[in-house]
Amino acid sequence: MTLFSAPDEAASHRTRIVLAEKDVEIEIVNVTPGRFPEDLLDLNPDHTLPTLVDRDLVLYDSRIIIEYLDERFPHPPLMPVDPVTRATFKLALHRIERDWYTLATKLDRNPAASPEAEKARGELRDLVIQYADFVRSKPYFMSDELSLVDVTVAPVLWRLPRYRIELPKDLTPLLKYANLLFSRPAFRMSLSPQEREMRVA
């Protein structure tokens, strides 16, 4: 099994977190976006990262990859079994990808203090603050156990200093939640050297 991964992009990062949580033995190939090796260009017609190769199977959407990994390596499970709760978590995943990751990508591409970047920065900050409601009564997203929702949120929270987003100091539940995610051994293992440099480890 091989993962072609961007060493500093959130979508690749969440895939690496899942692999670390599952303790999967895998070859991780760091790829600079836009400078794809020939074998990856042949495997992935979309030319996107991350890309997972598992024998004859090639997957190249991070959401599909993390859900596949959760089913392929069922322990520990990263999604609830109950259909109603599972659907709720999938909807949360959809919204975080659509809203948080879209804004994060804008900030990655345009980190300067332009009006567009400032708008994206403010919108992402507001979304992160609103997320605090989901971690007030439980240590993780609406749960006592880590899920794919937490795995998806963690890379963005880790990148907030890079995006020049500072959270209010009185937002205790969210800050406690972020520290809980960052202190997990699998999260520490998932970090690339570039990601470690994004904040003081």
Protein backbone atom coordinates (compact mmCIF):
# COMPACT_ATOMS: atom_id res chain seq x y z
CA MET A 1 0.00 0.00 0.00
CA THR A 2 1.32 3.44 -0.97
CA LEU A 3 0.06 6.94 -0.21
CA PHE A 4 1.12 9.83 -2.41
CA SER A 5 0.79 12.78 -0.07
CA ALA A 6 1.37 16.53 -0.07
CA PRO A 7 3.47 17.29 3.03
CA ASP A 8 1.66 20.53 3.87
CA GLU A 9 -1.96 20.21 2.67
CA ALA A 10 -4.87 19.50 5.01
CA ALA A 11 -6.49 16.82 2.83
CA SER A 12 -3.30 14.74 2.78
CA HIS A 13 -2.77 15.40 6.48
CA ARG A 14 -6.13 13.96 7.52
CA THR A 15 -5.38 10.83 5.50
CA ARG A 16 -2.08 10.41 7.32
CA ILE A 17 -3.85 10.85 10.67
CA VAL A 18 -6.23 7.98 9.86
CA LEU A 19 -3.30 5.76 8.82
CA ALA A 20 -1.50 6.57 12.09
CA GLU A 21 -4.62 5.95 14.21
CA LYS A 22 -5.06 2.57 12.51
CA ASP A 23 -1.33 1.80 12.76
CA VAL A 24 -1.24 0.84 9.08
CA GLU A 25 2.10 -0.06 7.55
CA ILE A 26 2.33 1.98 4.37
CA GLU A 27 4.83 3.71 2.14
CA ILE A 28 4.24 7.47 2.14
CA VAL A 29 5.61 9.30 -0.89
CA ASN A 30 5.83 13.06 -0.40
CA VAL A 31 4.84 14.91 -3.56
CA THR A 32 5.01 18.62 -4.24
CA PRO A 33 1.68 19.70 -5.79
CA GLY A 34 2.19 20.38 -9.48
CA ARG A 35 5.36 18.25 -9.63
CA PHE A 36 3.90 14.77 -9.92
CA PRO A 37 6.06 11.72 -10.62
CA GLU A 38 5.24 9.88 -13.84
CA ASP A 39 3.77 6.83 -12.11
CA LEU A 40 1.32 9.02 -10.19
CA LEU A 41 0.28 10.85 -13.37
CA ASP A 42 -0.53 7.47 -14.91
CA LEU A 43 -2.46 6.26 -11.85
CA ASN A 44 -4.56 9.33 -11.13
CA PRO A 45 -6.31 11.03 -14.07
CA ASP A 46 -7.31 13.95 -11.82
CA HIS A 47 -3.67 14.63 -10.85
CA THR A 48 -4.66 15.36 -7.24
CA LEU A 49 -3.34 14.59 -3.78
CA PRO A 50 -3.64 12.49 -1.74
CA THR A 51 -3.71 9.33 -3.85
CA LEU A 52 -3.87 5.88 -2.28
CA VAL A 53 -2.71 2.73 -4.08
CA ASP A 54 -3.75 -0.57 -2.53
CA ARG A 55 -2.74 -3.37 -4.91
CA ASP A 56 -4.98 -2.85 -7.98
CA LEU A 57 -7.14 -0.22 -6.30
CA VAL A 58 -6.37 3.47 -6.81
CA LEU A 59 -8.29 6.11 -4.82
CA TYR A 60 -7.77 9.84 -5.24
CA ASP A 61 -10.31 11.70 -3.14
CA SER A 62 -9.39 12.19 0.52
CA ARG A 63 -12.95 11.61 1.77
CA ILE A 64 -13.21 8.34 -0.16
CA ILE A 65 -9.73 7.35 1.03
CA ILE A 66 -10.40 7.88 4.75
CA GLU A 67 -13.74 6.09 4.60
CA TYR A 68 -12.12 3.19 2.73
CA LEU A 69 -9.34 2.97 5.32
CA ASP A 70 -11.88 2.97 8.15
CA GLU A 71 -13.68 0.02 6.57
CA ARG A 72 -10.55 -1.80 5.40
CA PHE A 73 -8.94 -1.54 8.86
CA PRO A 74 -11.93 -1.60 11.23
CA HIS A 75 -10.00 -1.23 14.50
CA PRO A 76 -10.24 1.25 16.03
CA PRO A 77 -13.49 2.32 14.34
CA LEU A 78 -13.61 6.00 13.39
CA MET A 79 -17.33 6.23 12.59
CA PRO A 80 -20.36 5.35 14.74
CA VAL A 81 -22.26 2.17 13.96
CA ASP A 82 -25.74 3.59 14.57
CA PRO A 83 -27.18 4.68 11.18
CA VAL A 84 -28.69 7.93 12.47
CA THR A 85 -25.53 9.05 14.26
CA ARG A 86 -23.42 7.91 11.32
CA ALA A 87 -25.53 10.02 8.94
CA THR A 88 -25.16 13.02 11.27
CA PHE A 89 -21.39 12.61 11.26
CA LYS A 90 -21.31 12.25 7.46
CA LEU A 91 -23.27 15.48 7.12
CA ALA A 92 -20.77 17.20 9.43
CA LEU A 93 -17.93 15.87 7.27
CA HIS A 94 -19.63 17.26 4.16
CA ARG A 95 -20.04 20.71 5.69
CA ILE A 96 -16.49 20.89 7.03
CA GLU A 97 -15.06 19.87 3.66
CA ARG A 98 -17.32 22.29 1.78
CA ASP A 99 -16.82 25.26 4.10
CA TRP A 100 -13.62 24.91 6.14
CA TYR A 101 -11.48 23.23 3.51
CA THR A 102 -12.60 25.61 0.75
CA LEU A 103 -11.59 28.61 2.87
CA ALA A 104 -8.35 26.95 3.99
CA THR A 105 -7.42 26.32 0.35
CA LYS A 106 -8.03 29.99 -0.46
CA LEU A 107 -5.71 31.01 2.38
CA ASP A 108 -3.05 28.52 1.28
CA ARG A 109 -3.12 30.01 -2.22
CA ASN A 110 -3.40 33.63 -1.15
CA PRO A 111 -1.76 34.13 2.28
CA ALA A 112 -1.11 37.86 1.77
CA ALA A 113 -3.28 40.52 3.39
CA SER A 114 -5.57 40.96 0.40
CA PRO A 115 -9.30 41.70 0.77
CA GLU A 116 -10.13 38.19 -0.46
CA ALA A 117 -7.76 36.60 2.07
CA GLU A 118 -9.09 38.72 4.91
CA LYS A 119 -12.64 37.73 4.03
CA ALA A 120 -11.73 34.04 3.97
CA ARG A 121 -9.81 34.44 7.24
CA GLY A 122 -12.81 36.01 8.98
CA GLU A 123 -15.24 33.40 7.65
CA LEU A 124 -13.04 30.50 8.71
CA ARG A 125 -12.53 32.00 12.17
CA ASP A 126 -16.29 32.32 12.62
CA LEU A 127 -16.88 28.71 11.53
CA VAL A 128 -14.25 27.41 13.95
CA ILE A 129 -15.77 29.39 16.82
CA GLN A 130 -19.24 28.02 16.02
CA TYR A 131 -17.81 24.49 16.08
CA ALA A 132 -17.16 24.89 19.82
CA ASP A 133 -20.83 24.05 20.46
CA PHE A 134 -20.20 20.48 19.28
CA VAL A 135 -17.38 19.81 21.77
CA ARG A 136 -18.77 21.40 24.93
CA SER A 137 -20.32 18.30 26.49
CA LYS A 138 -18.09 15.57 25.01
CA PRO A 139 -14.30 15.37 24.54
CA TYR A 140 -14.63 14.81 20.78
CA PHE A 141 -17.23 15.79 18.16
CA MET A 142 -20.51 14.79 19.84
CA SER A 143 -18.74 11.68 21.16
CA ASP A 144 -16.41 10.18 23.73
CA GLU A 145 -14.38 8.62 20.90
CA LEU A 146 -12.34 10.04 18.03
CA SER A 147 -14.11 10.02 14.65
CA LEU A 148 -13.43 10.98 11.05
CA VAL A 149 -14.99 14.36 11.86
CA ASP A 150 -12.25 15.07 14.43
CA VAL A 151 -9.62 13.78 12.01
CA THR A 152 -10.93 16.22 9.39
CA VAL A 153 -11.06 19.19 11.77
CA ALA A 154 -7.60 18.62 13.28
CA PRO A 155 -5.47 19.66 10.25
CA VAL A 156 -7.32 22.99 9.96
CA LEU A 157 -7.02 23.73 13.69
CA TRP A 158 -3.30 22.94 13.48
CA ARG A 159 -2.92 25.43 10.62
CA LEU A 160 -4.68 28.37 12.30
CA PRO A 161 -1.38 30.16 13.15
CA ARG A 162 -0.33 29.74 9.51
CA TYR A 163 -3.62 31.37 8.46
CA ARG A 164 -3.08 34.13 11.03
CA ILE A 165 -6.28 33.21 12.85
CA GLU A 166 -6.29 33.64 16.62
CA LEU A 167 -9.14 32.22 18.68
CA PRO A 168 -10.58 34.01 21.73
CA LYS A 169 -8.76 32.98 24.92
CA ASP A 170 -12.08 32.37 26.69
CA LEU A 171 -13.11 29.69 24.18
CA THR A 172 -12.06 27.01 26.65
CA PRO A 173 -13.94 23.96 25.26
CA LEU A 174 -12.51 24.43 21.76
CA LEU A 175 -8.97 25.11 22.97
CA LYS A 176 -9.15 22.05 25.23
CA TYR A 177 -10.45 20.00 22.29
CA ALA A 178 -7.63 21.17 20.01
CA ASN A 179 -5.02 20.30 22.63
CA LEU A 180 -6.60 16.86 23.06
CA LEU A 181 -6.35 16.22 19.30
CA PHE A 182 -2.79 17.50 19.05
CA SER A 183 -1.61 15.42 22.02
CA ARG A 184 -2.70 12.11 20.48
CA PRO A 185 0.34 9.99 19.55
CA ALA A 186 -1.14 9.28 16.11
CA PHE A 187 -1.50 12.99 15.41
CA ARG A 188 2.12 13.62 16.35
CA MET A 189 3.21 10.72 14.11
CA SER A 190 1.16 12.07 11.19
CA LEU A 191 2.95 15.41 11.04
CA SER A 192 5.36 16.05 8.19
CA PRO A 193 8.43 18.22 8.87
CA GLN A 194 6.68 21.10 7.07
CA GLU A 195 3.62 20.73 9.30
CA ARG A 196 5.72 20.65 12.46
CA GLU A 197 7.12 24.02 11.47
CA MET A 198 3.62 25.55 11.27
CA ARG A 199 3.55 26.03 15.04
CA VAL A 200 5.65 25.38 18.10
CA ALA A 201 5.33 21.65 18.74
